[in-house]
Amino acid sequence: MSEIERFFLPPGKKCPDERRPLLYLSRRDLVNLYGNEDSNLKRNVTSPLLTSLGIMVGFELLTKIWAGEPRVYNNTIKGFFKSALGLSEKEAEALTQFRHAIAHGYGLKAKPRKSRYYYYFTLSDSKAENQFLKETKLRHFSINVWALKSFFISSIANYKKILLMDKALKAKFYKVKKHLEIIIR
């Protein structure tokens, strides 16, 4: 199994040895919160903040391999959302601020460093909503956990395809991969 295949191993598969990629562990833990990745069965999300945090950690892990750095910053995360995932400037900024809100404050508001304004978020687990991010008024966004899950899972598959075809991205992956796995015995 190649190192790239190992990193992107789905949570239902067993790792062939004691090394566990952090993306694999994150995805495996998320399965406990929202069910199988490929399942369209949508149940009530009993831990929407924890589920959202887990998804955003997954996006951060993807950002690290995209950037080739074990530590990433605001502009790097936003750059990944725009360049690798095709989000608009506004969507990338909002999703980056959502990541900050739940990762740093385990809450639903964030204030960018050089701004006077806050970003506010609400969470929804509506089974009918298809947008993971919807602006309800200026700098107020609704995040749908189910649509965010779908976006995350498709982002993993799409980024893996991009990575496998790009030598520069592969070099960045190999530069940082040792920082993104742990040994579990």
N, C-alpha and C. Protein backbone atom coordinates (compact mmCIF):
# COMPACT_ATOMS: atom_id res chain seq x y z
N MET A 1 0.86 -1.18 0.00
CA MET A 1 0.00 0.00 0.00
C MET A 1 0.90 1.24 0.00
N SER A 2 0.62 2.16 -0.90
CA SER A 2 1.42 3.39 -0.95
C SER A 2 1.09 4.27 0.26
N GLU A 3 1.98 5.20 0.53
CA GLU A 3 1.76 6.11 1.66
C GLU A 3 0.54 7.00 1.42
N ILE A 4 0.30 7.36 0.17
CA ILE A 4 -0.88 8.16 -0.14
C ILE A 4 -2.14 7.33 0.09
N GLU A 5 -2.13 6.09 -0.38
CA GLU A 5 -3.29 5.21 -0.15
C GLU A 5 -3.52 5.03 1.35
N ARG A 6 -2.45 4.87 2.11
CA ARG A 6 -2.58 4.70 3.57
C ARG A 6 -3.21 5.94 4.19
N PHE A 7 -2.74 7.13 3.79
CA PHE A 7 -3.25 8.37 4.36
C PHE A 7 -4.74 8.53 4.11
N PHE A 8 -5.19 8.12 2.93
CA PHE A 8 -6.60 8.29 2.55
C PHE A 8 -7.44 7.04 2.82
N LEU A 9 -6.92 6.11 3.58
CA LEU A 9 -7.64 4.87 3.90
C LEU A 9 -9.00 5.17 4.51
N PRO A 10 -10.07 4.60 3.96
CA PRO A 10 -11.40 4.84 4.53
C PRO A 10 -11.51 4.24 5.94
N PRO A 11 -12.36 4.80 6.76
CA PRO A 11 -12.44 4.36 8.15
C PRO A 11 -12.95 2.93 8.34
N GLY A 12 -13.59 2.35 7.35
CA GLY A 12 -14.07 0.97 7.47
C GLY A 12 -12.99 -0.06 7.19
N LYS A 13 -11.85 0.37 6.68
CA LYS A 13 -10.75 -0.54 6.36
C LYS A 13 -9.78 -0.61 7.53
N LYS A 14 -9.09 -1.73 7.64
CA LYS A 14 -8.10 -1.90 8.70
C LYS A 14 -6.73 -1.44 8.20
N CYS A 15 -6.01 -0.76 9.09
CA CYS A 15 -4.63 -0.40 8.75
C CYS A 15 -3.78 -1.66 8.79
N PRO A 16 -2.84 -1.81 7.86
CA PRO A 16 -2.05 -3.03 7.78
C PRO A 16 -0.99 -3.18 8.88
N ASP A 17 -0.74 -2.13 9.65
CA ASP A 17 0.23 -2.21 10.74
C ASP A 17 -0.19 -1.25 11.85
N GLU A 18 0.75 -0.89 12.72
CA GLU A 18 0.41 -0.06 13.89
C GLU A 18 0.33 1.43 13.59
N ARG A 19 0.78 1.87 12.43
CA ARG A 19 0.72 3.29 12.08
C ARG A 19 -0.69 3.66 11.67
N ARG A 20 -1.19 4.76 12.23
CA ARG A 20 -2.53 5.23 11.90
C ARG A 20 -2.45 6.68 11.43
N PRO A 21 -2.80 6.95 10.18
CA PRO A 21 -2.85 8.34 9.74
C PRO A 21 -3.92 9.10 10.51
N LEU A 22 -3.63 10.35 10.85
CA LEU A 22 -4.59 11.14 11.62
C LEU A 22 -5.90 11.36 10.86
N LEU A 23 -5.84 11.46 9.53
CA LEU A 23 -7.09 11.60 8.76
C LEU A 23 -7.94 10.35 8.92
N TYR A 24 -7.31 9.18 8.90
CA TYR A 24 -8.03 7.93 9.11
C TYR A 24 -8.69 7.92 10.49
N LEU A 25 -7.94 8.29 11.52
CA LEU A 25 -8.50 8.30 12.89
C LEU A 25 -9.63 9.30 13.02
N SER A 26 -9.45 10.47 12.41
CA SER A 26 -10.50 11.49 12.47
C SER A 26 -11.77 10.99 11.78
N ARG A 27 -11.62 10.40 10.61
CA ARG A 27 -12.78 9.88 9.88
C ARG A 27 -13.44 8.75 10.65
N ARG A 28 -12.64 7.89 11.25
CA ARG A 28 -13.18 6.78 12.03
C ARG A 28 -14.01 7.29 13.21
N ASP A 29 -13.50 8.31 13.88
CA ASP A 29 -14.24 8.89 15.01
C ASP A 29 -15.53 9.57 14.53
N LEU A 30 -15.47 10.21 13.38
CA LEU A 30 -16.67 10.87 12.85
C LEU A 30 -17.77 9.87 12.50
N VAL A 31 -17.38 8.68 12.08
CA VAL A 31 -18.37 7.64 11.79
C VAL A 31 -19.22 7.37 13.03
N ASN A 32 -18.60 7.45 14.20
CA ASN A 32 -19.36 7.25 15.45
C ASN A 32 -20.36 8.36 15.69
N LEU A 33 -20.13 9.53 15.11
CA LEU A 33 -21.03 10.66 15.31
C LEU A 33 -22.11 10.77 14.23
N TYR A 34 -21.75 10.46 12.97
CA TYR A 34 -22.74 10.65 11.91
C TYR A 34 -23.02 9.42 11.06
N GLY A 35 -22.50 8.28 11.42
CA GLY A 35 -22.76 7.07 10.65
C GLY A 35 -21.74 6.88 9.54
N ASN A 36 -21.91 5.82 8.79
CA ASN A 36 -20.98 5.50 7.70
C ASN A 36 -20.87 6.67 6.73
N GLU A 37 -19.67 6.83 6.21
CA GLU A 37 -19.43 7.93 5.28
C GLU A 37 -20.28 7.83 4.03
N ASP A 38 -20.48 6.64 3.53
CA ASP A 38 -21.22 6.48 2.28
C ASP A 38 -22.73 6.34 2.49
N SER A 39 -23.17 6.41 3.71
CA SER A 39 -24.60 6.27 4.01
C SER A 39 -25.32 7.59 3.80
N ASN A 40 -26.48 7.50 3.17
CA ASN A 40 -27.33 8.68 3.02
C ASN A 40 -28.35 8.77 4.14
N LEU A 41 -28.32 7.81 5.04
CA LEU A 41 -29.23 7.82 6.18
C LEU A 41 -28.84 8.98 7.09
N LYS A 42 -29.76 9.88 7.30
CA LYS A 42 -29.50 11.06 8.12
C LYS A 42 -30.32 10.95 9.39
N ARG A 43 -29.61 10.86 10.50
CA ARG A 43 -30.28 10.80 11.79
C ARG A 43 -30.09 12.13 12.50
N ASN A 44 -30.66 12.29 13.66
CA ASN A 44 -30.43 13.51 14.41
C ASN A 44 -28.98 13.54 14.86
N VAL A 45 -28.38 14.69 14.75
CA VAL A 45 -26.99 14.86 15.18
C VAL A 45 -27.02 15.23 16.66
N THR A 46 -26.58 14.31 17.50
CA THR A 46 -26.64 14.56 18.94
C THR A 46 -25.50 15.45 19.42
N SER A 47 -24.43 15.53 18.65
CA SER A 47 -23.28 16.36 19.02
C SER A 47 -22.85 17.21 17.82
N PRO A 48 -23.66 18.21 17.45
CA PRO A 48 -23.33 18.97 16.24
C PRO A 48 -22.03 19.76 16.33
N LEU A 49 -21.70 20.32 17.49
CA LEU A 49 -20.42 21.04 17.61
C LEU A 49 -19.24 20.09 17.49
N LEU A 50 -19.31 18.97 18.16
CA LEU A 50 -18.22 17.99 18.11
C LEU A 50 -18.08 17.42 16.70
N THR A 51 -19.20 17.14 16.05
CA THR A 51 -19.17 16.65 14.68
C THR A 51 -18.54 17.69 13.76
N SER A 52 -18.96 18.93 13.89
CA SER A 52 -18.41 20.01 13.06
C SER A 52 -16.92 20.20 13.33
N LEU A 53 -16.53 20.12 14.58
CA LEU A 53 -15.11 20.24 14.94
C LEU A 53 -14.30 19.13 14.28
N GLY A 54 -14.81 17.91 14.33
CA GLY A 54 -14.11 16.78 13.70
C GLY A 54 -13.95 16.96 12.21
N ILE A 55 -14.99 17.46 11.56
CA ILE A 55 -14.92 17.71 10.12
C ILE A 55 -13.88 18.79 9.82
N MET A 56 -13.89 19.86 10.61
CA MET A 56 -12.95 20.95 10.36
C MET A 56 -11.51 20.51 10.65
N VAL A 57 -11.30 19.61 11.61
CA VAL A 57 -9.97 19.04 11.84
C VAL A 57 -9.54 18.25 10.60
N GLY A 58 -10.48 17.52 10.02
CA GLY A 58 -10.18 16.79 8.78
C GLY A 58 -9.76 17.72 7.67
N PHE A 59 -10.47 18.85 7.52
CA PHE A 59 -10.07 19.84 6.51
C PHE A 59 -8.68 20.39 6.82
N GLU A 60 -8.36 20.57 8.08
CA GLU A 60 -7.03 21.08 8.44
C GLU A 60 -5.95 20.07 8.06
N LEU A 61 -6.21 18.80 8.27
CA LEU A 61 -5.25 17.76 7.87
C LEU A 61 -5.02 17.78 6.36
N LEU A 62 -6.09 17.94 5.60
CA LEU A 62 -5.95 18.05 4.15
C LEU A 62 -5.15 19.30 3.78
N THR A 63 -5.38 20.39 4.50
CA THR A 63 -4.63 21.61 4.25
C THR A 63 -3.14 21.39 4.49
N LYS A 64 -2.80 20.66 5.53
CA LYS A 64 -1.39 20.42 5.85
C LYS A 64 -0.69 19.66 4.73
N ILE A 65 -1.34 18.66 4.16
CA ILE A 65 -0.68 17.93 3.08
C ILE A 65 -0.66 18.75 1.78
N TRP A 66 -1.66 19.60 1.59
CA TRP A 66 -1.68 20.49 0.42
C TRP A 66 -0.54 21.51 0.52
N ALA A 67 -0.33 22.05 1.73
CA ALA A 67 0.69 23.08 1.93
C ALA A 67 2.08 22.49 2.15
N GLY A 68 2.15 21.22 2.57
CA GLY A 68 3.44 20.61 2.87
C GLY A 68 4.04 21.13 4.16
N GLU A 69 3.18 21.56 5.06
CA GLU A 69 3.62 22.12 6.34
C GLU A 69 2.84 21.48 7.49
N PRO A 70 3.54 21.11 8.57
CA PRO A 70 2.83 20.52 9.72
C PRO A 70 2.00 21.53 10.51
N ARG A 71 2.29 22.82 10.30
CA ARG A 71 1.53 23.89 10.95
C ARG A 71 0.95 24.78 9.87
N VAL A 72 -0.31 25.08 10.00
CA VAL A 72 -0.93 25.94 9.00
C VAL A 72 -1.57 27.15 9.67
N TYR A 73 -1.69 28.18 8.88
CA TYR A 73 -2.22 29.44 9.39
C TYR A 73 -3.49 29.82 8.62
N ASN A 74 -4.09 30.89 9.06
CA ASN A 74 -5.35 31.38 8.50
C ASN A 74 -5.33 31.43 6.97
N ASN A 75 -4.33 32.10 6.40
CA ASN A 75 -4.27 32.24 4.95
C ASN A 75 -4.05 30.91 4.24
N THR A 76 -3.36 29.99 4.89
CA THR A 76 -3.14 28.68 4.29
C THR A 76 -4.45 27.90 4.21
N ILE A 77 -5.20 27.92 5.29
CA ILE A 77 -6.48 27.20 5.31
C ILE A 77 -7.42 27.80 4.28
N LYS A 78 -7.51 29.11 4.27
CA LYS A 78 -8.36 29.81 3.31
C LYS A 78 -7.89 29.52 1.88
N GLY A 79 -6.59 29.51 1.67
CA GLY A 79 -6.04 29.20 0.35
C GLY A 79 -6.39 27.79 -0.10
N PHE A 80 -6.36 26.85 0.81
CA PHE A 80 -6.74 25.47 0.47
C PHE A 80 -8.21 25.42 0.05
N PHE A 81 -9.07 26.07 0.80
CA PHE A 81 -10.49 26.07 0.46
C PHE A 81 -10.72 26.64 -0.94
N LYS A 82 -9.99 27.70 -1.26
CA LYS A 82 -10.18 28.35 -2.56
C LYS A 82 -9.50 27.55 -3.69
N SER A 83 -8.23 27.27 -3.52
CA SER A 83 -7.45 26.67 -4.61
C SER A 83 -7.78 25.19 -4.84
N ALA A 84 -7.80 24.43 -3.78
CA ALA A 84 -7.98 22.98 -3.93
C ALA A 84 -9.45 22.57 -3.98
N LEU A 85 -10.31 23.31 -3.28
CA LEU A 85 -11.72 22.89 -3.20
C LEU A 85 -12.67 23.77 -4.00
N GLY A 86 -12.14 24.86 -4.57
CA GLY A 86 -12.94 25.69 -5.46
C GLY A 86 -13.97 26.58 -4.81
N LEU A 87 -13.79 26.90 -3.52
CA LEU A 87 -14.73 27.80 -2.86
C LEU A 87 -14.45 29.24 -3.26
N SER A 88 -15.46 30.06 -3.22
CA SER A 88 -15.29 31.49 -3.48
C SER A 88 -14.54 32.13 -2.31
N GLU A 89 -14.08 33.35 -2.51
CA GLU A 89 -13.40 34.11 -1.45
C GLU A 89 -14.28 34.19 -0.21
N LYS A 90 -15.55 34.54 -0.40
CA LYS A 90 -16.48 34.71 0.72
C LYS A 90 -16.72 33.38 1.44
N GLU A 91 -16.92 32.30 0.68
CA GLU A 91 -17.14 30.98 1.29
C GLU A 91 -15.90 30.52 2.04
N ALA A 92 -14.73 30.71 1.43
CA ALA A 92 -13.48 30.30 2.07
C ALA A 92 -13.25 31.05 3.37
N GLU A 93 -13.50 32.36 3.35
CA GLU A 93 -13.34 33.16 4.57
C GLU A 93 -14.32 32.71 5.65
N ALA A 94 -15.56 32.50 5.28
CA ALA A 94 -16.58 32.08 6.25
C ALA A 94 -16.24 30.71 6.84
N LEU A 95 -15.83 29.77 6.00
CA LEU A 95 -15.51 28.43 6.52
C LEU A 95 -14.25 28.47 7.38
N THR A 96 -13.30 29.32 7.03
CA THR A 96 -12.11 29.49 7.86
C THR A 96 -12.49 30.07 9.22
N GLN A 97 -13.37 31.06 9.23
CA GLN A 97 -13.82 31.65 10.49
C GLN A 97 -14.64 30.65 11.32
N PHE A 98 -15.41 29.81 10.64
CA PHE A 98 -16.15 28.76 11.35
C PHE A 98 -15.17 27.81 12.03
N ARG A 99 -14.12 27.44 11.31
CA ARG A 99 -13.09 26.58 11.90
C ARG A 99 -12.49 27.22 13.15
N HIS A 100 -12.19 28.52 13.06
CA HIS A 100 -11.63 29.22 14.22
C HIS A 100 -12.63 29.25 15.38
N ALA A 101 -13.88 29.50 15.06
CA ALA A 101 -14.90 29.59 16.11
C ALA A 101 -15.00 28.30 16.91
N ILE A 102 -15.05 27.17 16.22
CA ILE A 102 -15.23 25.93 16.97
C ILE A 102 -13.92 25.35 17.49
N ALA A 103 -12.81 25.59 16.79
CA ALA A 103 -11.54 25.03 17.23
C ALA A 103 -10.92 25.81 18.38
N HIS A 104 -11.07 27.12 18.38
CA HIS A 104 -10.41 27.94 19.40
C HIS A 104 -11.32 28.33 20.55
N GLY A 105 -12.60 28.37 20.30
CA GLY A 105 -13.51 28.78 21.36
C GLY A 105 -14.61 27.79 21.62
N TYR A 106 -14.63 26.71 20.82
CA TYR A 106 -15.71 25.73 20.88
C TYR A 106 -17.04 26.46 20.98
N GLY A 107 -17.19 27.41 20.07
CA GLY A 107 -18.39 28.23 20.02
C GLY A 107 -18.76 28.55 18.59
N LEU A 108 -19.63 29.52 18.45
CA LEU A 108 -20.18 29.80 17.13
C LEU A 108 -20.01 31.26 16.71
N LYS A 109 -18.95 31.90 17.20
CA LYS A 109 -18.62 33.22 16.69
C LYS A 109 -17.11 33.38 16.67
N ALA A 110 -16.65 34.15 15.69
CA ALA A 110 -15.21 34.37 15.54
C ALA A 110 -14.99 35.78 15.03
N LYS A 111 -13.86 36.34 15.45
CA LYS A 111 -13.49 37.68 15.00
C LYS A 111 -12.10 37.59 14.39
N PRO A 112 -12.00 37.86 13.09
CA PRO A 112 -10.67 37.88 12.49
C PRO A 112 -9.78 38.92 13.17
N ARG A 113 -8.50 38.64 13.25
CA ARG A 113 -7.56 39.51 13.97
C ARG A 113 -7.62 40.97 13.58
N LYS A 114 -7.61 41.24 12.32
CA LYS A 114 -7.52 42.63 11.86
C LYS A 114 -8.88 43.18 11.45
N SER A 115 -9.91 42.72 12.10
CA SER A 115 -11.26 43.15 11.74
C SER A 115 -11.98 43.67 12.98
N ARG A 116 -12.92 44.55 12.75
CA ARG A 116 -13.78 45.02 13.84
C ARG A 116 -15.03 44.16 13.95
N TYR A 117 -15.23 43.28 12.98
CA TYR A 117 -16.49 42.56 12.87
C TYR A 117 -16.36 41.09 13.24
N TYR A 118 -17.41 40.57 13.80
CA TYR A 118 -17.50 39.15 14.12
C TYR A 118 -18.21 38.40 13.00
N TYR A 119 -17.92 37.12 12.92
CA TYR A 119 -18.69 36.18 12.10
C TYR A 119 -19.51 35.35 13.08
N TYR A 120 -20.78 35.15 12.75
CA TYR A 120 -21.69 34.38 13.61
C TYR A 120 -22.19 33.17 12.84
N PHE A 121 -22.34 32.06 13.56
CA PHE A 121 -22.75 30.81 12.93
C PHE A 121 -23.88 30.17 13.71
N THR A 122 -24.76 29.51 12.99
CA THR A 122 -25.76 28.63 13.59
C THR A 122 -25.57 27.27 12.94
N LEU A 123 -25.93 26.23 13.65
CA LEU A 123 -25.82 24.87 13.11
C LEU A 123 -27.21 24.32 12.85
N SER A 124 -27.29 23.57 11.79
CA SER A 124 -28.55 22.92 11.42
C SER A 124 -28.25 21.47 11.08
N ASP A 125 -29.18 20.59 11.41
CA ASP A 125 -29.06 19.21 10.93
C ASP A 125 -30.26 18.84 10.07
N SER A 126 -30.81 19.85 9.41
CA SER A 126 -31.94 19.63 8.50
C SER A 126 -31.54 18.62 7.44
N LYS A 127 -32.36 17.61 7.29
CA LYS A 127 -32.06 16.56 6.32
C LYS A 127 -32.37 17.00 4.89
N ALA A 128 -33.10 18.08 4.74
CA ALA A 128 -33.50 18.55 3.41
C ALA A 128 -32.52 19.57 2.82
N GLU A 129 -31.68 20.15 3.64
CA GLU A 129 -30.76 21.21 3.21
C GLU A 129 -29.59 20.61 2.44
N ASN A 130 -29.25 21.21 1.29
CA ASN A 130 -28.14 20.72 0.47
C ASN A 130 -26.91 21.62 0.54
N GLN A 131 -27.06 22.86 1.01
CA GLN A 131 -25.94 23.78 1.13
C GLN A 131 -25.29 23.61 2.50
N PHE A 132 -23.96 23.47 2.52
CA PHE A 132 -23.30 23.36 3.81
C PHE A 132 -23.09 24.72 4.46
N LEU A 133 -23.12 25.78 3.66
CA LEU A 133 -22.86 27.13 4.15
C LEU A 133 -23.84 28.08 3.47
N LYS A 134 -24.61 28.78 4.29
CA LYS A 134 -25.58 29.72 3.73
C LYS A 134 -25.54 31.00 4.54
N GLU A 135 -25.30 32.12 3.86
CA GLU A 135 -25.28 33.41 4.55
C GLU A 135 -26.73 33.85 4.76
N THR A 136 -27.08 34.09 6.02
CA THR A 136 -28.46 34.48 6.34
C THR A 136 -28.59 36.00 6.45
N LYS A 137 -27.53 36.66 6.84
CA LYS A 137 -27.38 38.11 6.76
C LYS A 137 -25.89 38.39 6.83
N LEU A 138 -25.50 39.63 6.72
CA LEU A 138 -24.08 39.97 6.64
C LEU A 138 -23.28 39.32 7.78
N ARG A 139 -22.30 38.48 7.40
CA ARG A 139 -21.41 37.76 8.32
C ARG A 139 -22.14 36.86 9.31
N HIS A 140 -23.34 36.44 8.99
CA HIS A 140 -24.11 35.45 9.75
C HIS A 140 -24.35 34.27 8.81
N PHE A 141 -23.91 33.10 9.24
CA PHE A 141 -23.99 31.93 8.38
C PHE A 141 -24.66 30.77 9.10
N SER A 142 -25.40 30.01 8.33
CA SER A 142 -25.95 28.75 8.80
C SER A 142 -25.10 27.63 8.21
N ILE A 143 -24.68 26.71 9.06
CA ILE A 143 -23.88 25.56 8.64
C ILE A 143 -24.76 24.33 8.80
N ASN A 144 -24.97 23.61 7.70
CA ASN A 144 -25.73 22.37 7.78
C ASN A 144 -24.74 21.22 7.95
N VAL A 145 -24.87 20.51 9.05
CA VAL A 145 -23.91 19.45 9.40
C VAL A 145 -23.91 18.34 8.35
N TRP A 146 -25.09 17.95 7.85
CA TRP A 146 -25.16 16.87 6.85
C TRP A 146 -24.53 17.29 5.54
N ALA A 147 -24.79 18.51 5.10
CA ALA A 147 -24.19 18.99 3.86
C ALA A 147 -22.68 19.19 4.04
N LEU A 148 -22.25 19.62 5.23
CA LEU A 148 -20.82 19.76 5.52
C LEU A 148 -20.15 18.40 5.46
N LYS A 149 -20.81 17.38 6.02
CA LYS A 149 -20.28 16.01 5.95
C LYS A 149 -20.10 15.60 4.49
N SER A 150 -21.11 15.81 3.67
CA SER A 150 -21.03 15.43 2.26
C SER A 150 -19.90 16.17 1.55
N PHE A 151 -19.78 17.47 1.83
CA PHE A 151 -18.71 18.25 1.24
C PHE A 151 -17.34 17.74 1.68
N PHE A 152 -17.20 17.40 2.94
CA PHE A 152 -15.94 16.87 3.47
C PHE A 152 -15.57 15.55 2.79
N ILE A 153 -16.50 14.62 2.73
CA ILE A 153 -16.22 13.31 2.14
C ILE A 153 -15.86 13.47 0.65
N SER A 154 -16.59 14.29 -0.08
CA SER A 154 -16.27 14.49 -1.50
C SER A 154 -14.94 15.22 -1.65
N SER A 155 -14.62 16.13 -0.73
CA SER A 155 -13.34 16.84 -0.78
C SER A 155 -12.17 15.89 -0.60
N ILE A 156 -12.33 14.91 0.27
CA ILE A 156 -11.27 13.91 0.47
C ILE A 156 -11.01 13.18 -0.84
N ALA A 157 -12.05 12.67 -1.46
CA ALA A 157 -11.90 11.91 -2.70
C ALA A 157 -11.34 12.79 -3.82
N ASN A 158 -11.85 14.02 -3.94
CA ASN A 158 -11.39 14.91 -5.00
C ASN A 158 -9.93 15.32 -4.80
N TYR A 159 -9.55 15.61 -3.55
CA TYR A 159 -8.17 16.02 -3.33
C TYR A 159 -7.21 14.86 -3.55
N LYS A 160 -7.61 13.66 -3.19
CA LYS A 160 -6.75 12.49 -3.44
C LYS A 160 -6.48 12.35 -4.94
N LYS A 161 -7.49 12.53 -5.78
CA LYS A 161 -7.30 12.45 -7.23
C LYS A 161 -6.31 13.51 -7.71
N ILE A 162 -6.46 14.74 -7.21
CA ILE A 162 -5.56 15.82 -7.58
C ILE A 162 -4.14 15.50 -7.14
N LEU A 163 -4.00 15.04 -5.92
CA LEU A 163 -2.69 14.71 -5.35
C LEU A 163 -1.98 13.63 -6.16
N LEU A 164 -2.70 12.61 -6.56
CA LEU A 164 -2.09 11.50 -7.29
C LEU A 164 -1.56 11.92 -8.67
N MET A 165 -2.06 13.03 -9.21
CA MET A 165 -1.65 13.47 -10.54
C MET A 165 -0.63 14.62 -10.52
N ASP A 166 -0.26 15.12 -9.36
CA ASP A 166 0.57 16.32 -9.30
C ASP A 166 1.86 16.06 -8.52
N LYS A 167 2.99 16.11 -9.20
CA LYS A 167 4.29 15.83 -8.57
C LYS A 167 4.61 16.80 -7.44
N ALA A 168 4.32 18.08 -7.63
CA ALA A 168 4.62 19.08 -6.60
C ALA A 168 3.80 18.82 -5.34
N LEU A 169 2.53 18.47 -5.51
CA LEU A 169 1.69 18.16 -4.35
C LEU A 169 2.15 16.88 -3.66
N LYS A 170 2.60 15.90 -4.45
CA LYS A 170 3.13 14.67 -3.85
C LYS A 170 4.35 14.98 -3.00
N ALA A 171 5.23 15.84 -3.49
CA ALA A 171 6.43 16.21 -2.73
C ALA A 171 6.03 16.86 -1.41
N LYS A 172 5.02 17.72 -1.43
CA LYS A 172 4.54 18.35 -0.20
C LYS A 172 3.95 17.30 0.74
N PHE A 173 3.21 16.36 0.19
CA PHE A 173 2.63 15.28 0.99
C PHE A 173 3.74 14.52 1.72
N TYR A 174 4.76 14.09 0.99
CA TYR A 174 5.83 13.30 1.61
C TYR A 174 6.65 14.12 2.61
N LYS A 175 6.70 15.41 2.41
CA LYS A 175 7.42 16.28 3.35
C LYS A 175 6.73 16.29 4.72
N VAL A 176 5.42 16.24 4.75
CA VAL A 176 4.68 16.43 5.99
C VAL A 176 4.04 15.15 6.55
N LYS A 177 3.99 14.08 5.77
CA LYS A 177 3.23 12.90 6.19
C LYS A 177 3.67 12.30 7.53
N LYS A 178 4.96 12.36 7.82
CA LYS A 178 5.45 11.77 9.08
C LYS A 178 4.88 12.49 10.31
N HIS A 179 4.45 13.74 10.12
CA HIS A 179 3.86 14.51 11.22
C HIS A 179 2.38 14.18 11.40
N LEU A 180 1.81 13.41 10.47
CA LEU A 180 0.37 13.21 10.46
C LEU A 180 -0.05 11.76 10.66
N GLU A 181 0.76 11.04 11.43
CA GLU A 181 0.36 9.68 11.79
C GLU A 181 0.91 9.37 13.17
N ILE A 182 0.26 8.42 13.81
CA ILE A 182 0.69 8.01 15.14
C ILE A 182 0.72 6.49 15.19
N ILE A 183 1.41 5.97 16.19
CA ILE A 183 1.49 4.53 16.41
C ILE A 183 0.45 4.16 17.47
N ILE A 184 -0.37 3.18 17.15
CA ILE A 184 -1.33 2.67 18.14
C ILE A 184 -1.09 1.16 18.25
N ARG A 185 -0.82 0.73 19.43
CA ARG A 185 -0.56 -0.71 19.66
C ARG A 185 -1.70 -1.33 20.43
